[in-house]
Structures are given as C-alpha cells and as structure tokens.
Amino acid sequence: MKKFLILGLIVVFIPLLGIPLAWKTTLLILTGLYIIFSSITYKKKSQKNSREEELDKVFVENEEILNKE
C-alpha cells in the first residue's frame, strides 16, 4: 500500500515541478498506467486468495451423528 501513497504523491507534485510539458504528460501517463496495472494484479491476487480460503473450509453439519456410530 505504500507504493500507492508514493504514486499519489508523485501525481500531485509532477505538475508543480519545473519540467517541460511533454515530460509531465509522459510521467503522468506512465504513473497512471502503473497504478491501473498494480490495482488489477492486486485484485486478481485477492480474489485468488479468497477462493483458496473457501476451498479449504470443511463444513460438517452432522458431526454428532457421525461420532455416535
């Protein structure tokens, strides 16, 4: 999550820096693309982890009946 904070700060401060307009535009586009790519991969990883956790769960509704036999 630190990288999103740093990228946000970069996006805020790039227009304030005294660099040429073409560089500003390029840096903002690259930073935006990196944020999009990072958020997509983060979402895919979190969905994969939640699916694995659901598969690991074992539900036993009739445990008492099974133990009596």
C-alpha atoms as a PDB file:
ATOM      1  CA  MET A   1       0.000   0.000   0.000  1.00  0.00           C
ATOM      2  CA  LYS A   2       2.980   2.301   0.391  1.00  0.00           C
ATOM      3  CA  LYS A   3       3.519   2.297  -3.348  1.00  0.00           C
ATOM      4  CA  PHE A   4       0.029   3.737  -3.942  1.00  0.00           C
ATOM      5  CA  LEU A   5       0.768   6.528  -1.486  1.00  0.00           C
ATOM      6  CA  ILE A   6       4.064   7.305  -3.191  1.00  0.00           C
ATOM      7  CA  LEU A   7       2.466   7.199  -6.643  1.00  0.00           C
ATOM      8  CA  GLY A   8      -0.295   9.506  -5.437  1.00  0.00           C
ATOM      9  CA  LEU A   9       2.268  11.970  -4.169  1.00  0.00           C
ATOM     10  CA  ILE A  10       4.076  11.797  -7.493  1.00  0.00           C
ATOM     11  CA  VAL A  11       0.853  12.558  -9.342  1.00  0.00           C
ATOM     12  CA  VAL A  12       0.208  15.534  -7.058  1.00  0.00           C
ATOM     13  CA  PHE A  13       3.687  17.021  -7.314  1.00  0.00           C
ATOM     14  CA  ILE A  14       4.507  16.427 -11.003  1.00  0.00           C
ATOM     15  CA  PRO A  15       2.517  19.467 -12.190  1.00  0.00           C
ATOM     16  CA  LEU A  16       4.297  21.641  -9.616  1.00  0.00           C
ATOM     17  CA  LEU A  17       7.781  20.703 -10.800  1.00  0.00           C
ATOM     18  CA  GLY A  18       9.533  22.868 -13.343  1.00  0.00           C
ATOM     19  CA  ILE A  19       9.874  20.254 -16.040  1.00  0.00           C
ATOM     20  CA  PRO A  20       8.795  20.528 -19.696  1.00  0.00           C
ATOM     21  CA  LEU A  21       5.162  19.824 -20.554  1.00  0.00           C
ATOM     22  CA  ALA A  22       5.996  16.752 -22.670  1.00  0.00           C
ATOM     23  CA  TRP A  23       7.829  15.177 -19.727  1.00  0.00           C
ATOM     24  CA  LYS A  24       4.962  15.966 -17.363  1.00  0.00           C
ATOM     25  CA  THR A  25       2.461  14.366 -19.700  1.00  0.00           C
ATOM     26  CA  THR A  26       4.621  11.292 -20.191  1.00  0.00           C
ATOM     27  CA  LEU A  27       5.251  10.866 -16.459  1.00  0.00           C
ATOM     28  CA  LEU A  28       1.560  11.269 -15.610  1.00  0.00           C
ATOM     29  CA  ILE A  29       0.510   8.733 -18.260  1.00  0.00           C
ATOM     30  CA  LEU A  30       3.141   6.202 -17.149  1.00  0.00           C
ATOM     31  CA  THR A  31       2.240   6.678 -13.483  1.00  0.00           C
ATOM     32  CA  GLY A  32      -1.460   6.242 -14.265  1.00  0.00           C
ATOM     33  CA  LEU A  33      -0.829   3.084 -16.271  1.00  0.00           C
ATOM     34  CA  TYR A  34       1.290   1.678 -13.442  1.00  0.00           C
ATOM     35  CA  ILE A  35      -1.457   2.399 -10.916  1.00  0.00           C
ATOM     36  CA  ILE A  36      -4.033   0.675 -13.143  1.00  0.00           C
ATOM     37  CA  PHE A  37      -1.778  -2.366 -13.685  1.00  0.00           C
ATOM     38  CA  SER A  38      -0.968  -2.635  -9.979  1.00  0.00           C
ATOM     39  CA  SER A  39      -4.607  -2.416  -8.916  1.00  0.00           C
ATOM     40  CA  ILE A  40      -5.638  -5.111 -11.422  1.00  0.00           C
ATOM     41  CA  THR A  41      -2.929  -7.509 -10.236  1.00  0.00           C
ATOM     42  CA  TYR A  42      -3.800  -6.745  -6.588  1.00  0.00           C
ATOM     43  CA  LYS A  43      -7.464  -7.515  -7.269  1.00  0.00           C
ATOM     44  CA  LYS A  44      -6.614 -10.795  -9.038  1.00  0.00           C
ATOM     45  CA  LYS A  45      -4.373 -11.899  -6.149  1.00  0.00           C
ATOM     46  CA  SER A  46      -7.005 -11.083  -3.544  1.00  0.00           C
ATOM     47  CA  GLN A  47      -9.693 -12.964  -5.485  1.00  0.00           C
ATOM     48  CA  LYS A  48      -7.380 -15.964  -5.855  1.00  0.00           C
ATOM     49  CA  ASN A  49      -6.633 -15.970  -2.114  1.00  0.00           C
ATOM     50  CA  SER A  50     -10.322 -15.750  -1.196  1.00  0.00           C
ATOM     51  CA  ARG A  51     -11.135 -18.685  -3.492  1.00  0.00           C
ATOM     52  CA  GLU A  52      -8.379 -20.788  -1.922  1.00  0.00           C
ATOM     53  CA  GLU A  53      -9.704 -19.991   1.565  1.00  0.00           C
ATOM     54  CA  GLU A  54     -13.214 -21.056   0.544  1.00  0.00           C
ATOM     55  CA  LEU A  55     -11.889 -24.369  -0.794  1.00  0.00           C
ATOM     56  CA  ASP A  56     -10.021 -25.050   2.456  1.00  0.00           C
ATOM     57  CA  LYS A  57     -13.164 -24.807   4.582  1.00  0.00           C
ATOM     58  CA  VAL A  58     -14.806 -28.081   5.536  1.00  0.00           C
ATOM     59  CA  PHE A  59     -18.328 -27.983   6.856  1.00  0.00           C
ATOM     60  CA  VAL A  60     -19.644 -30.840   8.964  1.00  0.00           C
ATOM     61  CA  GLU A  61     -23.276 -30.401   9.920  1.00  0.00           C
ATOM     62  CA  ASN A  62     -23.868 -33.832  11.412  1.00  0.00           C
ATOM     63  CA  GLU A  63     -20.700 -34.306  13.425  1.00  0.00           C
ATOM     64  CA  GLU A  64     -22.552 -35.624  16.491  1.00  0.00           C
ATOM     65  CA  ILE A  65     -24.337 -38.272  14.450  1.00  0.00           C
ATOM     66  CA  LEU A  66     -21.111 -39.392  12.835  1.00  0.00           C
ATOM     67  CA  ASN A  67     -19.285 -39.647  16.173  1.00  0.00           C
ATOM     68  CA  LYS A  68     -22.016 -41.859  17.732  1.00  0.00           C
ATOM     69  CA  GLU A  69     -21.533 -44.652  15.228  1.00  0.00           C
END
